[in-house]
């Protein structure tokens, strides 16, 4: 792969993640928001951006990164993703504890809250599964199916959560970021063939 092509791939990935952040930072809606709410909101946007990078790193698809380093970064960014979610939910808790309680107990009347909580628990479950991989002594195929299944639920829930919110994010860039997270995750899972039915091997007589 040529240097120009590698640079263009990195540029596209970074643009998809950075442009929504920049446009959201210039939203006039922020003028009426408290700082803790703004920080919580941007932590959520950052989490969505990380969901674009995670499958690319897991599959080693970013040019210039050896697969072992790529997967190491996948683990580190997984921790960053957990911290972003904690900051997102924690900031909203400081801003309005009753709303967060309603969301966590699925009592909120807003559909985006339900999708956000589903995505959050799926990400936590995927992280716990990754942390306990060796202790659980699961077969590799079983572990990968569980981890990728939870990842797909997390991404789909996060995308639904983001698209249903009318806030500081600019609609077009939010749509592109959401589509990128969903399509890349689905493609990586499909290409891994982990969910494809295994071919039966013929038994020798």
C-alpha atoms as a PDB file:
ATOM      1  CA  UNK A   1       0.000   0.000   0.000  1.00  0.00           C
ATOM      2  CA  UNK A   2       1.422   3.344  -1.037  1.00  0.00           C
ATOM      3  CA  UNK A   3       2.131   6.153   1.374  1.00  0.00           C
ATOM      4  CA  UNK A   4      -0.506   8.370  -0.271  1.00  0.00           C
ATOM      5  CA  UNK A   5      -3.201   5.749   0.134  1.00  0.00           C
ATOM      6  CA  UNK A   6      -2.238   5.115   3.755  1.00  0.00           C
ATOM      7  CA  UNK A   7      -2.359   8.828   4.465  1.00  0.00           C
ATOM      8  CA  UNK A   8      -5.780   9.168   2.837  1.00  0.00           C
ATOM      9  CA  UNK A   9      -7.187   6.304   4.895  1.00  0.00           C
ATOM     10  CA  UNK A  10      -5.926   7.844   8.129  1.00  0.00           C
ATOM     11  CA  UNK A  11      -7.198  11.269   7.045  1.00  0.00           C
ATOM     12  CA  UNK A  12     -10.669   9.911   6.309  1.00  0.00           C
ATOM     13  CA  UNK A  13     -10.895   8.050   9.610  1.00  0.00           C
ATOM     14  CA  UNK A  14      -9.728  11.037  11.637  1.00  0.00           C
ATOM     15  CA  UNK A  15     -12.044  13.400   9.730  1.00  0.00           C
ATOM     16  CA  UNK A  16     -15.077  11.200  10.380  1.00  0.00           C
ATOM     17  CA  UNK A  17     -14.290  11.313  14.112  1.00  0.00           C
ATOM     18  CA  UNK A  18     -12.995  14.886  14.481  1.00  0.00           C
ATOM     19  CA  UNK A  19     -15.449  16.854  12.310  1.00  0.00           C
ATOM     20  CA  UNK A  20     -18.520  16.046  14.484  1.00  0.00           C
ATOM     21  CA  UNK A  21     -16.577  17.139  17.562  1.00  0.00           C
ATOM     22  CA  UNK A  22     -15.523  20.429  15.975  1.00  0.00           C
ATOM     23  CA  UNK A  23     -19.027  21.191  14.676  1.00  0.00           C
ATOM     24  CA  UNK A  24     -20.600  20.302  18.017  1.00  0.00           C
ATOM     25  CA  UNK A  25     -18.129  22.599  19.791  1.00  0.00           C
ATOM     26  CA  UNK A  26     -19.423  25.466  17.641  1.00  0.00           C
ATOM     27  CA  UNK A  27     -23.102  24.714  18.245  1.00  0.00           C
ATOM     28  CA  UNK A  28     -25.110  27.727  19.484  1.00  0.00           C
ATOM     29  CA  UNK A  29     -26.998  25.384  21.801  1.00  0.00           C
ATOM     30  CA  UNK A  30     -23.960  25.186  24.079  1.00  0.00           C
ATOM     31  CA  UNK A  31     -24.432  28.809  25.116  1.00  0.00           C
ATOM     32  CA  UNK A  32     -27.306  27.799  27.384  1.00  0.00           C
ATOM     33  CA  UNK A  33     -25.731  24.657  28.816  1.00  0.00           C
ATOM     34  CA  UNK A  34     -23.866  24.238  32.088  1.00  0.00           C
ATOM     35  CA  UNK A  35     -20.219  23.125  31.902  1.00  0.00           C
ATOM     36  CA  UNK A  36     -20.873  19.708  33.470  1.00  0.00           C
ATOM     37  CA  UNK A  37     -23.561  19.002  30.872  1.00  0.00           C
ATOM     38  CA  UNK A  38     -21.239  20.045  28.030  1.00  0.00           C
ATOM     39  CA  UNK A  39     -18.435  17.800  29.308  1.00  0.00           C
ATOM     40  CA  UNK A  40     -20.850  14.880  29.639  1.00  0.00           C
ATOM     41  CA  UNK A  41     -22.139  15.444  26.125  1.00  0.00           C
ATOM     42  CA  UNK A  42     -18.699  15.574  24.552  1.00  0.00           C
ATOM     43  CA  UNK A  43     -17.686  12.434  26.425  1.00  0.00           C
ATOM     44  CA  UNK A  44     -20.600  10.744  24.687  1.00  0.00           C
ATOM     45  CA  UNK A  45     -19.484  12.031  21.277  1.00  0.00           C
ATOM     46  CA  UNK A  46     -15.950  10.823  21.980  1.00  0.00           C
ATOM     47  CA  UNK A  47     -17.316   7.384  22.890  1.00  0.00           C
ATOM     48  CA  UNK A  48     -19.090   7.177  19.543  1.00  0.00           C
ATOM     49  CA  UNK A  49     -15.854   8.132  17.802  1.00  0.00           C
ATOM     50  CA  UNK A  50     -13.980   5.399  19.658  1.00  0.00           C
ATOM     51  CA  UNK A  51     -16.520   2.871  18.403  1.00  0.00           C
ATOM     52  CA  UNK A  52     -15.315   3.655  14.885  1.00  0.00           C
ATOM     53  CA  UNK A  53     -11.703   2.937  15.804  1.00  0.00           C
ATOM     54  CA  UNK A  54     -12.255  -0.188  17.883  1.00  0.00           C
ATOM     55  CA  UNK A  55     -13.235  -2.631  15.124  1.00  0.00           C
ATOM     56  CA  UNK A  56     -10.555  -1.234  12.807  1.00  0.00           C
ATOM     57  CA  UNK A  57      -7.923  -1.847  15.470  1.00  0.00           C
ATOM     58  CA  UNK A  58      -9.260  -5.275  16.400  1.00  0.00           C
ATOM     59  CA  UNK A  59      -9.035  -6.389  12.771  1.00  0.00           C
ATOM     60  CA  UNK A  60      -5.723  -4.641  12.117  1.00  0.00           C
ATOM     61  CA  UNK A  61      -7.169  -2.593   9.257  1.00  0.00           C
ATOM     62  CA  UNK A  62      -5.439   0.707   9.951  1.00  0.00           C
ATOM     63  CA  UNK A  63      -2.387   0.983   7.681  1.00  0.00           C
ATOM     64  CA  UNK A  64       1.033   1.212   9.250  1.00  0.00           C
ATOM     65  CA  UNK A  65       0.029  -0.592  12.441  1.00  0.00           C
ATOM     66  CA  UNK A  66       1.215  -4.192  12.904  1.00  0.00           C
ATOM     67  CA  UNK A  67      -1.562  -6.478  14.068  1.00  0.00           C
ATOM     68  CA  UNK A  68      -0.137  -6.995  17.575  1.00  0.00           C
ATOM     69  CA  UNK A  69       0.261  -3.265  18.173  1.00  0.00           C
ATOM     70  CA  UNK A  70      -3.162  -2.648  16.678  1.00  0.00           C
ATOM     71  CA  UNK A  71      -4.823  -5.082  19.057  1.00  0.00           C
ATOM     72  CA  UNK A  72      -2.889  -3.646  21.987  1.00  0.00           C
ATOM     73  CA  UNK A  73      -4.274  -0.227  21.085  1.00  0.00           C
ATOM     74  CA  UNK A  74      -7.715  -1.841  20.836  1.00  0.00           C
ATOM     75  CA  UNK A  75      -7.412  -2.842  24.497  1.00  0.00           C
ATOM     76  CA  UNK A  76      -6.167   0.595  25.583  1.00  0.00           C
ATOM     77  CA  UNK A  77      -8.919   2.385  23.704  1.00  0.00           C
ATOM     78  CA  UNK A  78     -11.379  -0.034  25.266  1.00  0.00           C
ATOM     79  CA  UNK A  79     -10.357   1.405  28.632  1.00  0.00           C
ATOM     80  CA  UNK A  80     -10.703   4.921  27.204  1.00  0.00           C
ATOM     81  CA  UNK A  81     -14.180   3.984  25.985  1.00  0.00           C
ATOM     82  CA  UNK A  82     -15.192   2.855  29.472  1.00  0.00           C
ATOM     83  CA  UNK A  83     -13.864   6.102  30.951  1.00  0.00           C
ATOM     84  CA  UNK A  84     -15.765   8.147  28.346  1.00  0.00           C
ATOM     85  CA  UNK A  85     -18.997   6.363  29.222  1.00  0.00           C
ATOM     86  CA  UNK A  86     -18.374   6.851  32.940  1.00  0.00           C
ATOM     87  CA  UNK A  87     -17.768  10.560  32.353  1.00  0.00           C
ATOM     88  CA  UNK A  88     -20.860  10.802  30.157  1.00  0.00           C
ATOM     89  CA  UNK A  89     -23.168   9.129  32.667  1.00  0.00           C
ATOM     90  CA  UNK A  90     -21.463  10.712  35.689  1.00  0.00           C
ATOM     91  CA  UNK A  91     -21.780  14.206  34.236  1.00  0.00           C
ATOM     92  CA  UNK A  92     -25.454  13.675  33.480  1.00  0.00           C
ATOM     93  CA  UNK A  93     -25.908  12.360  37.030  1.00  0.00           C
ATOM     94  CA  UNK A  94     -24.426  15.557  38.465  1.00  0.00           C
ATOM     95  CA  UNK A  95     -26.629  17.608  36.164  1.00  0.00           C
ATOM     96  CA  UNK A  96     -29.868  15.702  36.811  1.00  0.00           C
ATOM     97  CA  UNK A  97     -29.824  12.585  39.046  1.00  0.00           C
ATOM     98  CA  UNK A  98     -33.547  11.761  38.573  1.00  0.00           C
ATOM     99  CA  UNK A  99     -33.168  11.568  34.794  1.00  0.00           C
ATOM    100  CA  UNK A 100     -30.220   9.180  35.105  1.00  0.00           C
ATOM    101  CA  UNK A 101     -32.104   6.988  37.585  1.00  0.00           C
ATOM    102  CA  UNK A 102     -35.078   6.847  35.223  1.00  0.00           C
ATOM    103  CA  UNK A 103     -32.776   5.926  32.351  1.00  0.00           C
ATOM    104  CA  UNK A 104     -30.934   3.199  34.267  1.00  0.00           C
ATOM    105  CA  UNK A 105     -34.211   1.649  35.449  1.00  0.00           C
ATOM    106  CA  UNK A 106     -35.757   1.911  31.963  1.00  0.00           C
ATOM    107  CA  UNK A 107     -38.419   4.231  33.323  1.00  0.00           C
ATOM    108  CA  UNK A 108     -37.486   7.192  31.125  1.00  0.00           C
ATOM    109  CA  UNK A 109     -40.137   8.266  28.604  1.00  0.00           C
ATOM    110  CA  UNK A 110     -37.437   9.157  26.047  1.00  0.00           C
ATOM    111  CA  UNK A 111     -36.471   6.272  23.703  1.00  0.00           C
ATOM    112  CA  UNK A 112     -32.897   7.521  23.305  1.00  0.00           C
ATOM    113  CA  UNK A 113     -32.299   6.865  27.013  1.00  0.00           C
ATOM    114  CA  UNK A 114     -33.308   3.223  26.635  1.00  0.00           C
ATOM    115  CA  UNK A 115     -30.938   2.686  23.711  1.00  0.00           C
ATOM    116  CA  UNK A 116     -28.131   4.455  25.549  1.00  0.00           C
ATOM    117  CA  UNK A 117     -28.468   2.238  28.616  1.00  0.00           C
ATOM    118  CA  UNK A 118     -28.616  -0.925  26.492  1.00  0.00           C
ATOM    119  CA  UNK A 119     -25.431   0.156  24.709  1.00  0.00           C
ATOM    120  CA  UNK A 120     -23.719   1.004  27.997  1.00  0.00           C
ATOM    121  CA  UNK A 121     -24.403  -2.398  29.564  1.00  0.00           C
ATOM    122  CA  UNK A 122     -23.348  -4.168  26.369  1.00  0.00           C
ATOM    123  CA  UNK A 123     -20.016  -2.315  26.412  1.00  0.00           C
ATOM    124  CA  UNK A 124     -19.494  -3.105  30.095  1.00  0.00           C
ATOM    125  CA  UNK A 125     -20.297  -6.775  29.445  1.00  0.00           C
ATOM    126  CA  UNK A 126     -17.893  -6.900  26.476  1.00  0.00           C
ATOM    127  CA  UNK A 127     -15.162  -5.328  28.610  1.00  0.00           C
ATOM    128  CA  UNK A 128     -15.747  -7.786  31.466  1.00  0.00           C
ATOM    129  CA  UNK A 129     -15.646 -10.669  29.025  1.00  0.00           C
ATOM    130  CA  UNK A 130     -12.338  -9.414  27.647  1.00  0.00           C
ATOM    131  CA  UNK A 131     -10.871  -8.975  31.141  1.00  0.00           C
ATOM    132  CA  UNK A 132     -11.976 -12.453  32.257  1.00  0.00           C
ATOM    133  CA  UNK A 133     -11.122 -14.218  29.015  1.00  0.00           C
ATOM    134  CA  UNK A 134      -8.367 -16.407  30.460  1.00  0.00           C
ATOM    135  CA  UNK A 135     -10.084 -17.129  33.768  1.00  0.00           C
ATOM    136  CA  UNK A 136     -13.344 -18.103  32.099  1.00  0.00           C
ATOM    137  CA  UNK A 137     -11.500 -20.703  30.011  1.00  0.00           C
ATOM    138  CA  UNK A 138     -13.955 -20.298  27.170  1.00  0.00           C
ATOM    139  CA  UNK A 139     -13.271 -21.741  23.771  1.00  0.00           C
ATOM    140  CA  UNK A 140     -11.880 -19.122  21.402  1.00  0.00           C
ATOM    141  CA  UNK A 141     -14.875 -19.367  19.089  1.00  0.00           C
ATOM    142  CA  UNK A 142     -17.343 -19.006  21.974  1.00  0.00           C
ATOM    143  CA  UNK A 143     -15.473 -16.030  23.387  1.00  0.00           C
ATOM    144  CA  UNK A 144     -15.217 -14.268  20.038  1.00  0.00           C
ATOM    145  CA  UNK A 145     -18.893 -14.785  19.282  1.00  0.00           C
ATOM    146  CA  UNK A 146     -19.911 -13.401  22.657  1.00  0.00           C
ATOM    147  CA  UNK A 147     -17.530 -10.438  22.442  1.00  0.00           C
ATOM    148  CA  UNK A 148     -18.444  -9.492  18.884  1.00  0.00           C
ATOM    149  CA  UNK A 149     -22.146  -9.987  19.555  1.00  0.00           C
ATOM    150  CA  UNK A 150     -21.994  -7.615  22.501  1.00  0.00           C
ATOM    151  CA  UNK A 151     -19.943  -5.161  20.427  1.00  0.00           C
ATOM    152  CA  UNK A 152     -22.585  -5.112  17.701  1.00  0.00           C
ATOM    153  CA  UNK A 153     -25.352  -4.514  20.266  1.00  0.00           C
ATOM    154  CA  UNK A 154     -23.275  -1.720  21.806  1.00  0.00           C
ATOM    155  CA  UNK A 155     -22.675   0.012  18.498  1.00  0.00           C
ATOM    156  CA  UNK A 156     -26.269  -0.349  17.305  1.00  0.00           C
ATOM    157  CA  UNK A 157     -27.578   0.955  20.633  1.00  0.00           C
ATOM    158  CA  UNK A 158     -25.142   3.871  20.655  1.00  0.00           C
ATOM    159  CA  UNK A 159     -26.064   4.831  17.094  1.00  0.00           C
ATOM    160  CA  UNK A 160     -29.786   4.730  17.901  1.00  0.00           C
ATOM    161  CA  UNK A 161     -29.107   6.750  21.071  1.00  0.00           C
ATOM    162  CA  UNK A 162     -27.162   9.411  19.152  1.00  0.00           C
ATOM    163  CA  UNK A 163     -29.546   9.712  16.210  1.00  0.00           C
ATOM    164  CA  UNK A 164     -32.604  10.139  18.431  1.00  0.00           C
ATOM    165  CA  UNK A 165     -31.038  13.027  20.350  1.00  0.00           C
ATOM    166  CA  UNK A 166     -31.481  16.526  18.965  1.00  0.00           C
ATOM    167  CA  UNK A 167     -28.602  18.353  20.579  1.00  0.00           C
ATOM    168  CA  UNK A 168     -25.299  20.019  19.853  1.00  0.00           C
ATOM    169  CA  UNK A 169     -24.178  17.531  17.209  1.00  0.00           C
ATOM    170  CA  UNK A 170     -24.615  18.654  13.601  1.00  0.00           C
ATOM    171  CA  UNK A 171     -27.038  16.212  11.902  1.00  0.00           C
ATOM    172  CA  UNK A 172     -25.053  15.343   8.756  1.00  0.00           C
ATOM    173  CA  UNK A 173     -21.711  14.730  10.478  1.00  0.00           C
ATOM    174  CA  UNK A 174     -23.518  12.803  13.213  1.00  0.00           C
ATOM    175  CA  UNK A 175     -25.158  10.626  10.578  1.00  0.00           C
ATOM    176  CA  UNK A 176     -21.835   9.961   8.857  1.00  0.00           C
ATOM    177  CA  UNK A 177     -20.132   9.101  12.160  1.00  0.00           C
ATOM    178  CA  UNK A 178     -22.990   6.821  13.181  1.00  0.00           C
ATOM    179  CA  UNK A 179     -23.077   5.068   9.808  1.00  0.00           C
ATOM    180  CA  UNK A 180     -19.306   4.592   9.895  1.00  0.00           C
ATOM    181  CA  UNK A 181     -19.425   2.990  13.358  1.00  0.00           C
ATOM    182  CA  UNK A 182     -22.246   0.637  12.385  1.00  0.00           C
ATOM    183  CA  UNK A 183     -21.001  -0.347   8.925  1.00  0.00           C
ATOM    184  CA  UNK A 184     -17.371  -0.852   9.955  1.00  0.00           C
ATOM    185  CA  UNK A 185     -18.379  -2.987  12.940  1.00  0.00           C
ATOM    186  CA  UNK A 186     -20.731  -5.092  10.837  1.00  0.00           C
ATOM    187  CA  UNK A 187     -18.121  -5.540   8.089  1.00  0.00           C
ATOM    188  CA  UNK A 188     -15.361  -6.556  10.496  1.00  0.00           C
ATOM    189  CA  UNK A 189     -17.635  -9.087  12.199  1.00  0.00           C
ATOM    190  CA  UNK A 190     -18.784 -10.453   8.844  1.00  0.00           C
ATOM    191  CA  UNK A 191     -15.260 -10.722   7.477  1.00  0.00           C
ATOM    192  CA  UNK A 192     -14.104 -12.537  10.605  1.00  0.00           C
ATOM    193  CA  UNK A 193     -16.550 -15.344   9.662  1.00  0.00           C
ATOM    194  CA  UNK A 194     -16.957 -16.066  13.352  1.00  0.00           C
ATOM    195  CA  UNK A 195     -20.737 -16.212  12.959  1.00  0.00           C
ATOM    196  CA  UNK A 196     -20.686 -18.227   9.739  1.00  0.00           C
ATOM    197  CA  UNK A 197     -21.831 -21.830  10.126  1.00  0.00           C
ATOM    198  CA  UNK A 198     -18.844 -24.088  10.147  1.00  0.00           C
ATOM    199  CA  UNK A 199     -18.518 -26.595   7.380  1.00  0.00           C
ATOM    200  CA  UNK A 200     -18.971 -30.154   8.429  1.00  0.00           C
ATOM    201  CA  UNK A 201     -15.944 -32.250   7.895  1.00  0.00           C
ATOM    202  CA  UNK A 202     -16.398 -35.710   6.426  1.00  0.00           C
ATOM    203  CA  UNK A 203     -15.555 -38.541   8.744  1.00  0.00           C
ATOM    204  CA  UNK A 204     -13.135 -41.065   7.465  1.00  0.00           C
ATOM    205  CA  UNK A 205     -14.498 -44.624   7.602  1.00  0.00           C
END
